[in-house]
Amino acid sequence: MTIRRRDFLTLAGAAGLSSALPRMARSADAASVYDLERFGNARILHMTDTHAQLLPVYFREPSVNLGLGPMQGRPPHLVGRAFLDRFAIRPDSADAYAFTCVDFEKSAPRFGKLGGFAHLKTLIDHLRSDAGSGRSLLLDGGDLWQGSGLANTMQGADMVEAANLLGIEAMTGHWEFTYGETALRSNLERFKGEFLAQNVYLTQEAAFNDAKAFDPASGRVFKPATIKEIGGHRVAVIGQAFPYVPIAHPKRFTPDWTFGIRDDELQKLVNGLRTNDKVDAVVLLSHNGMDVDLKLAGRVSGIDVILGGHTHDAVPQPLPISNAGGTTLVTNAGSNGKFLGVLDLELAKGRVGGVRYRLLPVFSELLKPDAAMQALIEKIRQPYAAAYAEKIATSDRLLYRRGNFGGTVDQLICDALRGELDAEIALSPGFRWGLSVLPGQPVTMEDVLSETAMTYPETYVQSMTGSQIKDILEDVCDNLFNADPYYQQGGDMVRVGGFSYTCTPAENVGHRISELKLDNGHVIAAGKSYKVAGWASVNEQKGMPVWDVLARHLRSGKTSDRRGDGVTLKGVDDNPGIAGQG
């Protein structure tokens, strides 16, 4: 069963379900930051959404991450000062820099880059050694293989090698599926851990044709769960892959598979693990997104902890959610290798007796890179290093993507689409992956690829009516702000170029978008046609890859005076999910 409510309240006070964040200065000693107080008899380490970033990165957290209705003012929908206040983090600290957008440009040179697999390896080895032999487990929540030019070229094979050396013992997936079944299975044959996904099934036609499946009788394509012996106790880990792969991405990549949340099947699986396999703890390794996990935790009982990903939310403390069986703790561990979740458990026969969770920022300047991992990274990158190092431009402002409605990277992409493809209007998808570049720093080809590298990068130009443009905006906005989390697919609002609009997020579906106007001030008419450029369409396109369009635009030296994202928000003035630009 899950942790009982009264046990959780005791644990929250006694075992310290606090973030225990390091208070670091640049000259701090790594040991003082990462030597954690011992607790429990089992340690689970969790990373997610690294997006193939083998090297340390700059990544600015959002200044807009709106929560509406019951989610307003609750994690993960807190940004800036509201986030710092909620988690008692000093505004001028390293933690503030890692977890928020506050003073990002000032803090980045002070505290440096975060993440990097060679630095993660050092930290993980330290934390596993500290836990003791046979008492730890390393899990990855997906989006491991995609997000860099190198991973895109190698179809994720580079990340499989790095994951094996890192020691990942189980993972689930999302963008991994966009390489297609052949590449996915090829990578998994080389992966030394287990790929878990309880919610991926064969289509009826594929099952009839005896398509490959882990369990042909049920139609489950992949192993749904694994049981690990940790510290003499049995811990079940269930995989929950991204539920909306054929909707959010071209269906041609996974034509034989169906996805979904499938909480009924999940409940049956949890019950079996509890009753038949007599496990002492159940962990869900999820790529649902945090809002979805929070709802699921209230519907499915018997899960002790959800280790979540997909929405890139770095949340220092678990959120307790009550359900029919007790309380489930819900976490989300950020992105890009910036953070490592440390879940310490006190396991007893058939139950979890205590919990301590910390989400550690991975400050690369405090961690000596592991020599073996560093050598592997250099070896893998060597054939491409010179091309990636090409300087394309110099940033004249902070370049970043993450945020509900816009980022300066996507402004550049929209400018490039309009300028290079001679279009009135540009649309760019609101992906949450993509790194940050500090003002005055060179923009390299590797930077360009970190914003654009994917398996369907082709650009398009087509005619759309004003009504069609509004419908696109309404559809994406509903995906972002639907009152039911099960209808949210993650990601942010489509970015726009060449026009502006007003958004009222709390309005009903179909009524959130208004006042569409071209940059010249003319109203976008419902029945008039406009020339629109874009990329990453779920329908197959034949245009130039977007990275070539963006690189050509940057090389030309063209600049834009536009500083806003073209969106006027209504009805969110007091929402703690919106802050200044930091």
Protein backbone atom coordinates (compact mmCIF):
# COMPACT_ATOMS: atom_id res chain seq x y z
CA MET A 1 0.00 0.00 0.00
CA THR A 2 1.06 3.62 -0.30
CA ILE A 3 2.40 5.69 2.57
CA ARG A 4 -0.40 6.31 5.06
CA ARG A 5 -1.43 9.94 5.57
CA ARG A 6 -0.47 10.02 9.26
CA ASP A 7 2.91 8.41 8.43
CA PHE A 8 3.54 11.06 5.80
CA LEU A 9 2.82 13.89 8.21
CA THR A 10 5.27 12.36 10.67
CA LEU A 11 7.89 11.91 7.97
CA ALA A 12 7.47 15.44 6.74
CA GLY A 13 8.56 16.71 10.12
CA ALA A 14 10.99 14.05 11.29
CA ALA A 15 12.63 12.84 8.10
CA GLY A 16 12.74 16.26 6.51
CA LEU A 17 10.91 16.18 3.21
CA SER A 18 12.69 19.44 2.57
CA SER A 19 14.88 20.19 -0.37
CA ALA A 20 18.12 20.29 1.64
CA LEU A 21 19.56 22.45 -1.12
CA PRO A 22 23.26 23.26 -1.11
CA ARG A 23 24.17 26.83 -0.19
CA MET A 24 27.06 27.29 -2.53
CA ALA A 25 29.54 29.98 -3.34
CA ARG A 26 31.66 29.61 -6.46
CA SER A 27 34.65 28.54 -4.38
CA ALA A 28 32.65 26.05 -2.33
CA ASP A 29 34.01 22.59 -1.65
CA ALA A 30 32.09 19.91 -3.56
CA ALA A 31 32.15 17.60 -0.58
CA SER A 32 30.31 20.13 1.57
CA VAL A 33 27.64 20.51 -1.11
CA TYR A 34 27.09 16.90 -2.09
CA ASP A 35 27.80 14.95 1.09
CA LEU A 36 24.25 14.24 2.18
CA GLU A 37 23.14 13.23 5.62
CA ARG A 38 22.57 9.48 5.64
CA PHE A 39 19.00 8.29 5.76
CA GLY A 40 17.24 4.98 5.17
CA ASN A 41 18.43 1.75 3.62
CA ALA A 42 17.77 2.34 -0.10
CA ARG A 43 18.69 5.19 -2.46
CA ILE A 44 17.11 5.82 -5.86
CA LEU A 45 18.77 8.36 -8.15
CA HIS A 46 16.60 9.95 -10.82
CA MET A 47 17.46 12.00 -13.89
CA THR A 48 15.17 12.98 -16.73
CA ASP A 49 14.85 15.10 -19.88
CA THR A 50 18.59 15.50 -20.40
CA HIS A 51 17.89 15.93 -24.11
CA ALA A 52 21.23 14.48 -25.16
CA GLN A 53 23.29 17.21 -23.51
CA LEU A 54 26.61 15.49 -22.86
CA LEU A 55 28.37 18.74 -21.95
CA PRO A 56 27.58 21.29 -19.19
CA VAL A 57 24.95 23.84 -20.20
CA TYR A 58 23.33 27.18 -19.52
CA PHE A 59 19.57 26.82 -19.30
CA ARG A 60 17.30 29.62 -18.11
CA GLU A 61 14.21 28.47 -16.26
CA PRO A 62 10.89 30.07 -17.28
CA SER A 63 9.52 33.43 -16.24
CA VAL A 64 6.05 32.29 -17.34
CA ASN A 65 4.64 28.91 -16.26
CA LEU A 66 0.97 29.59 -15.60
CA GLY A 67 -1.30 27.45 -13.47
CA LEU A 68 -5.04 28.05 -13.63
CA GLY A 69 -7.94 27.09 -11.38
CA PRO A 70 -6.85 24.65 -8.66
CA MET A 71 -3.28 24.67 -10.03
CA GLN A 72 -2.80 28.42 -9.58
CA GLY A 73 -0.17 29.13 -6.96
CA ARG A 74 0.84 25.46 -6.67
CA PRO A 75 4.06 23.84 -7.88
CA PRO A 76 5.08 23.47 -10.60
CA HIS A 77 3.31 26.70 -11.59
CA LEU A 78 5.48 29.08 -9.62
CA VAL A 79 8.27 31.18 -11.11
CA GLY A 80 10.72 33.84 -10.05
CA ARG A 81 10.27 35.33 -6.58
CA ALA A 82 7.14 33.29 -5.90
CA PHE A 83 9.18 30.11 -6.39
CA LEU A 84 11.95 31.37 -4.12
CA ASP A 85 9.45 32.27 -1.40
CA ARG A 86 7.66 28.92 -1.61
CA PHE A 87 10.86 26.93 -1.20
CA ALA A 88 12.70 29.37 1.11
CA ILE A 89 15.58 29.99 -1.31
CA ARG A 90 17.75 33.13 -1.03
CA PRO A 91 17.41 35.37 -4.11
CA ASP A 92 21.19 35.77 -4.56
CA SER A 93 22.07 32.10 -4.06
CA ALA A 94 23.26 29.38 -6.37
CA ASP A 95 19.94 27.63 -5.80
CA ALA A 96 18.05 30.69 -7.07
CA TYR A 97 20.19 30.61 -10.21
CA ALA A 98 19.65 26.89 -10.77
CA PHE A 99 15.91 26.79 -10.10
CA THR A 100 14.62 30.15 -11.41
CA CYS A 101 15.08 32.91 -13.97
CA VAL A 102 15.83 35.50 -11.26
CA ASP A 103 18.96 37.53 -12.16
CA PHE A 104 19.97 34.81 -14.60
CA GLU A 105 22.31 36.93 -16.69
CA LYS A 106 24.13 38.20 -13.60
CA SER A 107 24.29 34.81 -11.91
CA ALA A 108 25.38 32.69 -14.88
CA PRO A 109 28.99 33.98 -14.97
CA ARG A 110 29.13 33.70 -11.17
CA PHE A 111 27.95 30.10 -10.79
CA GLY A 112 28.77 28.67 -14.20
CA LYS A 113 27.22 25.92 -16.25
CA LEU A 114 25.32 22.95 -14.89
CA GLY A 115 25.16 19.29 -15.83
CA GLY A 116 27.40 17.41 -18.23
CA PHE A 117 27.65 13.62 -18.23
CA ALA A 118 31.25 13.54 -17.01
CA HIS A 119 30.22 15.64 -14.00
CA LEU A 120 27.03 13.65 -13.48
CA LYS A 121 29.09 10.47 -13.48
CA THR A 122 31.28 11.82 -10.68
CA LEU A 123 28.27 12.87 -8.61
CA ILE A 124 26.35 9.64 -9.21
CA ASP A 125 29.32 7.47 -8.30
CA HIS A 126 29.80 9.48 -5.11
CA LEU A 127 26.15 9.17 -4.09
CA ARG A 128 26.04 5.46 -4.87
CA SER A 129 29.22 4.80 -2.95
CA ASP A 130 27.86 6.74 -0.01
CA ALA A 131 24.70 4.62 0.01
CA GLY A 132 26.68 1.40 0.14
CA SER A 133 26.96 -1.65 -2.08
CA GLY A 134 23.64 -2.98 -3.35
CA ARG A 135 21.64 -0.11 -1.87
CA SER A 136 21.13 2.20 -4.86
CA LEU A 137 19.42 2.36 -8.24
CA LEU A 138 19.82 4.83 -11.14
CA LEU A 139 16.74 5.61 -13.25
CA ASP A 140 16.20 7.82 -16.30
CA GLY A 141 12.77 9.29 -17.08
CA GLY A 142 13.15 9.64 -20.85
CA ASP A 143 14.05 12.26 -23.45
CA LEU A 144 17.58 11.00 -23.08
CA TRP A 145 18.38 10.44 -26.75
CA GLN A 146 17.17 13.64 -28.45
CA GLY A 147 18.09 17.31 -28.31
CA SER A 148 21.54 17.68 -29.88
CA GLY A 149 22.91 17.58 -33.41
CA LEU A 150 25.11 14.65 -32.41
CA ALA A 151 22.20 12.57 -31.09
CA ASN A 152 20.11 13.40 -34.15
CA THR A 153 22.90 12.28 -36.49
CA MET A 154 23.59 9.09 -34.53
CA GLN A 155 19.88 8.41 -33.85
CA GLY A 156 20.58 8.30 -30.14
CA ALA A 157 23.38 5.74 -30.26
CA ASP A 158 25.79 8.19 -28.61
CA MET A 159 23.47 8.51 -25.64
CA VAL A 160 23.17 4.75 -25.27
CA GLU A 161 26.94 4.52 -24.84
CA ALA A 162 26.92 7.35 -22.30
CA ALA A 163 23.95 5.84 -20.43
CA ASN A 164 25.73 2.49 -20.17
CA LEU A 165 28.85 4.08 -18.71
CA LEU A 166 26.73 6.20 -16.37
CA GLY A 167 25.08 3.02 -15.12
CA ILE A 168 21.39 3.71 -15.87
CA GLU A 169 19.48 0.59 -14.86
CA ALA A 170 16.03 1.44 -16.20
CA MET A 171 14.45 4.12 -18.37
CA THR A 172 11.23 5.02 -20.14
CA GLY A 173 10.77 7.15 -23.23
CA HIS A 174 9.28 9.97 -25.28
CA TRP A 175 11.40 11.54 -28.04
CA GLU A 176 13.17 8.18 -28.24
CA PHE A 177 10.14 6.97 -30.21
CA THR A 178 10.66 9.61 -32.92
CA TYR A 179 13.64 7.68 -34.28
CA GLY A 180 11.21 4.95 -35.33
CA GLU A 181 10.92 1.33 -34.26
CA THR A 182 14.01 0.03 -36.08
CA ALA A 183 16.41 2.57 -34.56
CA LEU A 184 14.71 2.34 -31.17
CA ARG A 185 15.06 -1.43 -30.97
CA SER A 186 18.63 -1.27 -32.26
CA ASN A 187 19.55 1.13 -29.48
CA LEU A 188 17.76 -0.94 -26.87
CA GLU A 189 19.71 -4.03 -27.90
CA ARG A 190 22.87 -2.15 -26.90
CA PHE A 191 21.39 -0.55 -23.79
CA LYS A 192 22.49 -2.45 -20.68
CA GLY A 193 19.50 -1.35 -18.62
CA GLU A 194 15.80 -2.05 -19.07
CA PHE A 195 13.30 -0.05 -21.12
CA LEU A 196 9.97 0.08 -19.29
CA ALA A 197 6.60 1.24 -20.64
CA GLN A 198 3.39 -0.19 -19.21
CA ASN A 199 1.21 2.03 -21.42
CA VAL A 200 2.37 1.11 -24.96
CA TYR A 201 0.32 -1.55 -26.78
CA LEU A 202 0.11 -3.00 -30.27
CA THR A 203 -2.67 -1.75 -32.50
CA GLN A 204 -5.30 -4.34 -33.36
CA GLU A 205 -3.90 -4.70 -36.87
CA ALA A 206 -0.33 -5.07 -35.64
CA ALA A 207 -1.40 -7.69 -33.09
CA PHE A 208 -3.28 -9.60 -35.81
CA ASN A 209 -0.10 -9.58 -37.91
CA ASP A 210 1.98 -10.87 -34.97
CA ALA A 211 4.09 -7.72 -34.63
CA LYS A 212 6.87 -7.90 -32.09
CA ALA A 213 5.76 -7.41 -28.49
CA PHE A 214 7.11 -8.10 -25.02
CA ASP A 215 3.82 -9.83 -24.15
CA PRO A 216 1.86 -10.90 -27.25
CA ALA A 217 -1.07 -12.10 -25.13
CA SER A 218 -1.77 -8.66 -23.70
CA GLY A 219 -0.31 -6.70 -26.60
CA ARG A 220 2.15 -4.84 -24.39
CA VAL A 221 5.06 -3.81 -26.60
CA PHE A 222 7.61 -3.32 -23.82
CA LYS A 223 8.27 -4.70 -20.38
CA PRO A 224 5.91 -2.83 -18.04
CA ALA A 225 7.86 -3.08 -14.78
CA THR A 226 10.90 -4.52 -13.08
CA ILE A 227 11.62 -5.56 -9.52
CA LYS A 228 14.98 -4.60 -8.07
CA GLU A 229 16.60 -5.84 -4.88
CA ILE A 230 17.87 -2.79 -3.00
CA GLY A 231 19.30 -3.10 0.47
CA GLY A 232 17.66 -6.49 0.90
CA HIS A 233 14.21 -5.19 -0.07
CA ARG A 234 12.11 -5.53 -3.20
CA VAL A 235 11.36 -2.31 -5.08
CA ALA A 236 9.09 -2.33 -8.12
CA VAL A 237 9.74 0.24 -10.84
CA ILE A 238 6.97 0.79 -13.40
CA GLY A 239 7.62 2.63 -16.65
CA GLN A 240 5.12 5.21 -17.94
CA ALA A 241 6.10 6.45 -21.41
CA PHE A 242 4.82 9.73 -22.84
CA PRO A 243 1.12 9.01 -23.44
CA TYR A 244 0.58 11.11 -26.57
CA VAL A 245 3.39 10.12 -28.93
CA PRO A 246 1.24 9.54 -32.09
CA ILE A 247 -0.62 12.84 -31.49
CA ALA A 248 2.30 15.11 -30.65
CA HIS A 249 4.59 13.60 -33.31
CA PRO A 250 4.17 12.12 -36.80
CA LYS A 251 2.28 8.84 -36.51
CA ARG A 252 4.55 7.33 -39.18
CA PHE A 253 7.24 6.84 -36.52
CA THR A 254 5.08 4.47 -34.44
CA PRO A 255 2.37 3.12 -36.77
CA ASP A 256 1.96 -0.21 -34.94
CA TRP A 257 1.70 1.14 -31.40
CA THR A 258 -0.95 2.86 -29.31
CA PHE A 259 -0.18 4.91 -26.23
CA GLY A 260 -2.26 6.60 -23.54
CA ILE A 261 -2.25 7.14 -19.78
CA ARG A 262 -4.07 3.85 -19.11
CA ASP A 263 -4.53 4.34 -15.40
CA ASP A 264 -6.87 1.31 -15.18
CA GLU A 265 -4.12 -0.99 -16.49
CA LEU A 266 -1.66 0.76 -14.21
CA GLN A 267 -3.84 0.06 -11.17
CA LYS A 268 -4.04 -3.64 -12.09
CA LEU A 269 -0.27 -3.75 -12.46
CA VAL A 270 0.31 -2.07 -9.11
CA ASN A 271 -2.15 -4.43 -7.43
CA GLY A 272 -0.35 -7.44 -8.86
CA LEU A 273 3.03 -6.21 -7.73
CA ARG A 274 1.70 -5.60 -4.23
CA THR A 275 -0.33 -8.80 -3.88
CA ASN A 276 1.49 -11.39 -5.97
CA ASP A 277 5.08 -10.17 -5.98
CA LYS A 278 5.04 -8.91 -2.40
CA VAL A 279 7.13 -5.83 -3.15
CA ASP A 280 8.06 -3.43 -0.38
CA ALA A 281 7.77 -0.27 -2.47
CA VAL A 282 6.35 0.82 -5.83
CA VAL A 283 7.91 3.64 -7.86
CA LEU A 284 6.40 5.01 -11.07
CA LEU A 285 9.06 6.22 -13.52
CA SER A 286 6.88 8.63 -15.46
CA HIS A 287 7.07 10.80 -18.54
CA ASN A 288 3.51 12.09 -18.21
CA GLY A 289 4.29 15.65 -17.15
CA MET A 290 3.77 16.90 -13.62
CA ASP A 291 0.14 18.05 -13.83
CA VAL A 292 -0.83 14.68 -15.29
CA ASP A 293 1.09 12.87 -12.57
CA LEU A 294 -0.66 14.88 -9.88
CA LYS A 295 -4.06 13.80 -11.20
CA LEU A 296 -2.95 10.20 -11.71
CA ALA A 297 -1.63 10.04 -8.13
CA GLY A 298 -5.12 10.77 -6.87
CA ARG A 299 -6.69 8.07 -9.04
CA VAL A 300 -4.24 5.17 -8.72
CA SER A 301 -3.43 3.80 -5.27
CA GLY A 302 -0.47 1.72 -4.20
CA ILE A 303 2.29 3.87 -5.73
CA ASP A 304 4.67 5.27 -3.13
CA VAL A 305 6.54 7.80 -5.30
CA ILE A 306 6.17 9.12 -8.83
CA LEU A 307 9.49 10.15 -10.32
CA GLY A 308 8.24 12.46 -13.03
CA GLY A 309 9.49 14.14 -16.17
CA HIS A 310 8.44 15.61 -19.53
CA THR A 311 7.40 19.12 -18.46
CA HIS A 312 10.95 20.09 -17.38
CA ASP A 313 9.73 21.29 -13.99
CA ALA A 314 12.48 21.44 -11.36
CA VAL A 315 10.56 21.07 -8.10
CA PRO A 316 12.71 20.81 -4.94
CA GLN A 317 10.12 19.08 -2.74
CA PRO A 318 7.71 16.23 -3.47
CA LEU A 319 4.01 17.00 -3.46
CA PRO A 320 1.86 14.63 -1.36
CA ILE A 321 -1.35 13.50 -3.06
CA SER A 322 -4.01 11.57 -1.17
CA ASN A 323 -5.77 8.60 -2.75
CA ALA A 324 -7.82 5.59 -1.71
CA GLY A 325 -4.76 3.73 -0.45
CA GLY A 326 -2.91 6.51 1.34
CA THR A 327 -0.52 9.15 -0.01
CA THR A 328 1.65 9.20 -3.12
CA LEU A 329 4.58 11.61 -3.44
CA VAL A 330 4.95 13.32 -6.82
CA THR A 331 8.27 14.74 -8.05
CA ASN A 332 9.69 16.26 -11.23
CA ALA A 333 13.43 16.57 -11.79
CA GLY A 334 14.05 19.37 -14.28
CA SER A 335 15.93 19.00 -17.55
CA ASN A 336 19.17 19.12 -19.51
CA GLY A 337 21.22 17.31 -16.87
CA LYS A 338 20.94 20.31 -14.51
CA PHE A 339 19.53 18.26 -11.64
CA LEU A 340 19.76 14.86 -10.02
CA GLY A 341 16.94 13.61 -7.82
CA VAL A 342 17.98 11.68 -4.71
CA LEU A 343 15.23 9.59 -3.14
CA ASP A 344 16.27 7.93 0.13
CA LEU A 345 13.86 5.34 1.50
CA GLU A 346 13.58 3.54 4.80
CA LEU A 347 12.12 0.23 3.62
CA ALA A 348 10.44 -2.31 5.84
CA LYS A 349 8.51 -5.49 5.06
CA GLY A 350 5.78 -4.52 2.60
CA ARG A 351 5.96 -0.80 3.20
CA VAL A 352 7.94 2.43 3.11
CA GLY A 353 8.70 3.57 6.64
CA GLY A 354 10.37 6.87 5.79
CA VAL A 355 11.31 9.13 2.90
CA ARG A 356 13.82 11.87 2.24
CA TYR A 357 14.05 13.59 -1.14
CA ARG A 358 16.50 16.14 -2.50
CA LEU A 359 16.77 17.63 -5.98
CA LEU A 360 20.43 18.51 -6.37
CA PRO A 361 21.63 21.08 -8.91
CA VAL A 362 24.64 19.65 -10.74
CA PHE A 363 27.14 22.53 -10.57
CA SER A 364 29.80 21.45 -13.05
CA GLU A 365 32.48 23.73 -11.58
CA LEU A 366 32.22 21.88 -8.26
CA LEU A 367 32.55 18.40 -9.74
CA LYS A 368 35.70 16.98 -11.25
CA PRO A 369 34.73 15.34 -14.54
CA ASP A 370 35.00 11.58 -14.60
CA ALA A 371 37.96 10.66 -16.81
CA ALA A 372 36.36 7.67 -18.51
CA MET A 373 33.17 9.53 -19.35
CA GLN A 374 35.12 12.56 -20.55
CA ALA A 375 37.17 10.33 -22.85
CA LEU A 376 34.01 8.69 -24.23
CA ILE A 377 32.39 12.05 -24.91
CA GLU A 378 35.48 13.34 -26.71
CA LYS A 379 35.70 10.17 -28.77
CA ILE A 380 32.03 10.34 -29.83
CA ARG A 381 32.17 14.06 -30.63
CA GLN A 382 35.50 14.05 -32.45
CA PRO A 383 34.21 13.46 -36.02
CA TYR A 384 31.77 16.37 -35.69
CA ALA A 385 33.57 18.75 -33.34
CA ALA A 386 34.98 21.09 -35.99
CA ALA A 387 31.64 21.54 -37.76
CA TYR A 388 29.81 22.11 -34.48
CA ALA A 389 32.37 24.73 -33.38
CA GLU A 390 31.69 26.96 -36.40
CA LYS A 391 30.78 30.44 -35.19
CA ILE A 392 27.54 31.51 -36.87
CA ALA A 393 26.93 34.81 -35.08
CA THR A 394 27.33 36.63 -31.77
CA SER A 395 24.33 36.91 -29.46
CA ASP A 396 23.16 40.48 -28.92
CA ARG A 397 20.84 39.43 -26.07
CA LEU A 398 20.18 36.46 -23.83
CA LEU A 399 18.99 33.62 -26.01
CA TYR A 400 16.55 31.23 -24.33
CA ARG A 401 13.45 29.25 -25.22
CA ARG A 402 11.62 28.04 -22.12
CA GLY A 403 8.42 29.91 -21.23
CA ASN A 404 4.72 29.46 -21.88
CA PHE A 405 4.45 32.06 -24.64
CA GLY A 406 7.83 32.90 -26.08
CA GLY A 407 11.57 33.06 -25.92
CA THR A 408 14.26 34.94 -27.79
CA VAL A 409 15.46 31.79 -29.57
CA ASP A 410 12.05 31.28 -31.16
CA GLN A 411 11.88 34.95 -32.11
CA LEU A 412 15.07 34.36 -34.10
CA ILE A 413 13.62 31.24 -35.69
CA CYS A 414 10.45 33.08 -36.67
CA ASP A 415 12.53 35.93 -38.13
CA ALA A 416 14.55 33.37 -40.10
CA LEU A 417 11.46 31.60 -41.42
CA ARG A 418 9.88 34.85 -42.56
CA GLY A 419 13.04 36.32 -44.02
CA GLU A 420 14.53 33.28 -45.71
CA LEU A 421 11.23 31.82 -46.96
CA ASP A 422 9.58 35.16 -47.84
CA ALA A 423 6.51 34.68 -45.65
CA GLU A 424 4.18 37.16 -43.95
CA ILE A 425 3.71 34.98 -40.88
CA ALA A 426 5.84 32.38 -39.09
CA LEU A 427 4.87 29.69 -36.60
CA SER A 428 7.42 27.86 -34.44
CA PRO A 429 6.54 25.00 -32.07
CA GLY A 430 6.76 25.58 -28.31
CA PHE A 431 9.26 22.85 -27.54
CA ARG A 432 10.71 22.99 -24.03
CA TRP A 433 14.14 21.70 -25.04
CA GLY A 434 16.82 24.06 -26.31
CA LEU A 435 19.68 25.70 -24.43
CA SER A 436 20.51 29.28 -23.45
CA VAL A 437 23.33 31.51 -24.78
CA LEU A 438 24.57 34.49 -22.77
CA PRO A 439 24.72 37.99 -24.31
CA GLY A 440 27.93 38.65 -26.20
CA GLN A 441 28.76 34.97 -26.58
CA PRO A 442 29.31 33.26 -29.92
CA VAL A 443 26.41 31.33 -31.41
CA THR A 444 27.85 28.13 -32.89
CA MET A 445 26.40 25.53 -35.20
CA GLU A 446 26.10 23.30 -32.15
CA ASP A 447 23.93 25.96 -30.50
CA VAL A 448 21.73 26.14 -33.59
CA LEU A 449 21.30 22.37 -33.54
CA SER A 450 20.52 22.34 -29.82
CA GLU A 451 17.39 24.36 -30.68
CA THR A 452 16.35 22.49 -33.81
CA ALA A 453 17.78 18.95 -34.04
CA MET A 454 14.96 16.46 -34.53
CA THR A 455 13.80 13.83 -37.01
CA TYR A 456 11.18 15.99 -38.75
CA PRO A 457 12.89 19.39 -39.13
CA GLU A 458 11.64 20.22 -42.62
CA THR A 459 10.27 23.72 -43.13
CA TYR A 460 7.11 24.51 -45.09
CA VAL A 461 5.38 27.46 -46.68
CA GLN A 462 1.65 27.36 -47.24
CA SER A 463 -1.41 29.53 -47.49
CA MET A 464 -3.63 29.75 -44.41
CA THR A 465 -6.74 31.78 -43.75
CA GLY A 466 -6.99 33.99 -40.68
CA SER A 467 -9.56 31.56 -39.32
CA GLN A 468 -7.14 28.65 -39.69
CA ILE A 469 -4.38 30.58 -37.93
CA LYS A 470 -6.68 31.37 -35.03
CA ASP A 471 -7.78 27.73 -34.84
CA ILE A 472 -4.16 26.62 -34.56
CA LEU A 473 -3.55 29.04 -31.71
CA GLU A 474 -6.75 27.98 -29.93
CA ASP A 475 -5.88 24.29 -30.27
CA VAL A 476 -2.37 24.66 -28.86
CA CYS A 477 -3.61 26.98 -26.11
CA ASP A 478 -6.20 24.39 -25.04
CA ASN A 479 -3.47 21.77 -24.91
CA LEU A 480 -1.57 24.04 -22.54
CA PHE A 481 -4.45 25.26 -20.35
CA ASN A 482 -7.20 22.64 -20.49
CA ALA A 483 -8.75 22.30 -17.06
CA ASP A 484 -8.31 18.52 -17.21
CA PRO A 485 -4.59 17.63 -17.04
CA TYR A 486 -5.26 14.44 -19.00
CA TYR A 487 -5.88 16.65 -22.03
CA GLN A 488 -2.57 18.47 -21.64
CA GLN A 489 0.29 17.14 -23.75
CA GLY A 490 3.03 19.34 -22.32
CA GLY A 491 5.07 21.81 -24.31
CA ASP A 492 4.42 25.54 -24.56
CA MET A 493 2.41 27.84 -26.81
CA VAL A 494 3.27 27.99 -30.51
CA ARG A 495 5.56 30.96 -31.14
CA VAL A 496 4.54 33.54 -33.73
CA GLY A 497 6.26 35.97 -36.08
CA GLY A 498 4.76 38.74 -38.17
CA PHE A 499 1.71 39.26 -36.01
CA SER A 500 0.49 39.67 -32.45
CA TYR A 501 -2.54 38.47 -30.51
CA THR A 502 -4.24 38.60 -27.13
CA CYS A 503 -4.59 35.48 -24.99
CA THR A 504 -6.98 35.01 -22.06
CA PRO A 505 -5.83 31.64 -20.67
CA ALA A 506 -8.73 31.22 -18.20
CA GLU A 507 -11.37 31.53 -20.92
CA ASN A 508 -13.22 28.50 -22.33
CA VAL A 509 -11.90 26.49 -25.25
CA GLY A 510 -12.22 28.39 -28.52
CA HIS A 511 -12.42 31.76 -26.79
CA ARG A 512 -8.88 32.30 -25.51
CA ILE A 513 -7.39 33.94 -28.61
CA SER A 514 -8.42 37.38 -29.90
CA GLU A 515 -7.18 40.60 -31.49
CA LEU A 516 -4.92 39.05 -34.13
CA LYS A 517 -3.02 41.82 -35.93
CA LEU A 518 -0.18 41.86 -38.44
CA ASP A 519 2.92 43.81 -37.49
CA ASN A 520 1.74 46.61 -39.79
CA GLY A 521 -1.35 47.01 -37.62
CA HIS A 522 -3.84 45.43 -40.03
CA VAL A 523 -6.32 43.03 -38.47
CA ILE A 524 -5.95 39.39 -39.53
CA ALA A 525 -9.23 38.71 -41.30
CA ALA A 526 -10.88 35.32 -40.84
CA GLY A 527 -11.57 34.83 -44.54
CA LYS A 528 -8.33 36.26 -45.94
CA SER A 529 -5.35 34.06 -46.88
CA TYR A 530 -1.81 34.63 -45.62
CA LYS A 531 1.55 33.15 -46.54
CA VAL A 532 2.74 31.17 -43.50
CA ALA A 533 6.10 29.50 -42.88
CA GLY A 534 6.79 26.93 -40.20
CA TRP A 535 8.55 23.70 -39.28
CA ALA A 536 8.10 20.46 -37.32
CA SER A 537 4.79 19.59 -38.93
CA VAL A 538 3.26 16.20 -38.08
CA ASN A 539 2.47 15.99 -41.80
CA GLU A 540 5.45 15.06 -43.94
CA GLN A 541 7.11 18.08 -45.59
CA LYS A 542 9.87 18.51 -48.18
CA GLY A 543 11.38 21.87 -47.27
CA MET A 544 14.89 22.77 -46.10
CA PRO A 545 15.77 21.64 -42.56
CA VAL A 546 15.09 24.42 -40.11
CA TRP A 547 18.67 24.45 -38.82
CA ASP A 548 19.90 25.40 -42.30
CA VAL A 549 17.29 28.16 -42.52
CA LEU A 550 18.27 29.54 -39.09
CA ALA A 551 22.01 29.28 -39.74
CA ARG A 552 21.68 31.06 -43.10
CA HIS A 553 19.70 33.84 -41.47
CA LEU A 554 22.22 34.30 -38.66
CA ARG A 555 25.17 34.28 -41.05
CA SER A 556 23.57 37.11 -43.01
CA GLY A 557 23.93 39.36 -39.99
CA LYS A 558 20.29 40.45 -40.10
CA THR A 559 19.00 41.64 -36.76
CA SER A 560 15.58 42.39 -35.38
CA ASP A 561 14.53 45.17 -33.03
CA ARG A 562 11.61 43.07 -31.82
CA ARG A 563 11.94 42.30 -28.11
CA GLY A 564 8.50 40.99 -27.15
CA ASP A 565 6.84 37.69 -27.99
CA GLY A 566 3.82 39.27 -29.66
CA VAL A 567 1.39 38.14 -26.96
CA THR A 568 -0.76 40.28 -24.67
CA LEU A 569 -2.05 38.32 -21.68
CA LYS A 570 -5.34 39.01 -19.93
CA GLY A 571 -6.64 37.82 -16.59
CA VAL A 572 -3.34 36.64 -15.11
CA ASP A 573 -1.99 39.77 -13.46
CA ASP A 574 -1.93 38.21 -9.97
CA ASN A 575 -0.84 34.77 -11.08
CA PRO A 576 2.43 33.62 -9.40
CA GLY A 577 3.21 31.68 -12.55
CA ILE A 578 4.23 34.90 -14.29
CA ALA A 579 7.19 37.09 -13.38
CA GLY A 580 9.41 39.78 -14.80
CA GLN A 581 12.19 38.90 -17.19
CA GLY A 582 14.68 38.43 -14.36
